[in-house]
Every structure is written in structure tokens, then in C-alpha cells.
Amino acid sequence: MPLHRERRWPWIMVGYAALFVVVAAATAFLYDAVAAAARPVVIRGAVVLVVGVLLLHIRSYFRGDPPWDPPSLFEQALIRQPVTPKLDPAFVKLRDELASSLANRSYFQNVMWPRLCGLARARGQDEPPIPQERGWFGRGPSLRTIADLTGRIVGPRNDSR
């Protein structure tokens, strides 16, 4: 989306300055190259070119050029909105609990660890040893450690992904 009209004016002025320099250089070259009778035509052509570009710019400004104006409500309705992902609430809860376990050792020991031990007992395994504390005080085990724990409890994946 282009900048607001108020912020575009410095670039518009630079563009017109460049246009004037190019037209002046071309006009000076042609003025010296043509016969004396055709020199007024060269000057008039240069003025017509500059005024024409200026009038086109002013016309597009007041006409309401679509790239400059914000889209109307009808045009906004036609723009496809991204689909918001719908996640299973159980997955969202598990993801939040896992994030809390990573951030807080106490949460891991009181909530996540008993669940992992219960899962191991339900699968007929011995309880795995509790992971060592990380270097940061109060932080739970790393994500890789929790993944290794669940991998040992659940076992290798059998699907073909």
C-alpha cells in the first residue's frame, strides 16, 4: 500500500525536479540542433510535455486514483480474509501446559511429571527418573528432555510420516 498523500510530496518534488532537468537538457540540445525557424516549436514542445505531466498528476489526484485511496467497504468485502486455524481444545491445553512446564520447574513437578508417571504405569512400564534441573534457577526441563521422556514412555512411532 502506498504512503499517505501527505508523506509522498517530497518524492513527488524530486520526481518533478528530475523531469525538469531531463526536459531542459533535451530541449537545450534540440534548440541548438534545429534551424532558427523551428526553435519556438522546440520550446513549446518542452512546455507542453511538462504541463501535460503536471496536469495528468493533478487529474489523478483529484479524481481519486484507486491505488491512493483506501478500498471501499465493498472492495474490502471482496478481499479474501485468512482462515483462522481451529485447533482442538485438548491440543491447545496440552500446548499451554507444556509451555508452562518449560518455564516453571514447580509446574513440571506438580502437574506434568505425575501425568508422565501415570502414562508410564498405564503402559506397564517403570516410572522414568525425574530429569535434572537446568542451569537456570526455577526453569523446567528442556523441550528435548520432555520429548525424550515421552518417547521412552510411548515408544517409537509406527506411522509412515
Foldseek 3Di string as FASTA:
>chain_A
DDDAPVVCVVVVVVVLVVLVVVLVVVLVVVLVVDDPVCNVVSVVVSVCVSVVVVVVVVCCVVVPPVVNDDDDPVVVVVDDDDDDDDDDPVVVVVVVLVVVQQAFVVSCVPPVQVVLCVLLVVQVHHRDDADDDDPDPGGHDDPVVVVVSVCVRVDDDDDDD
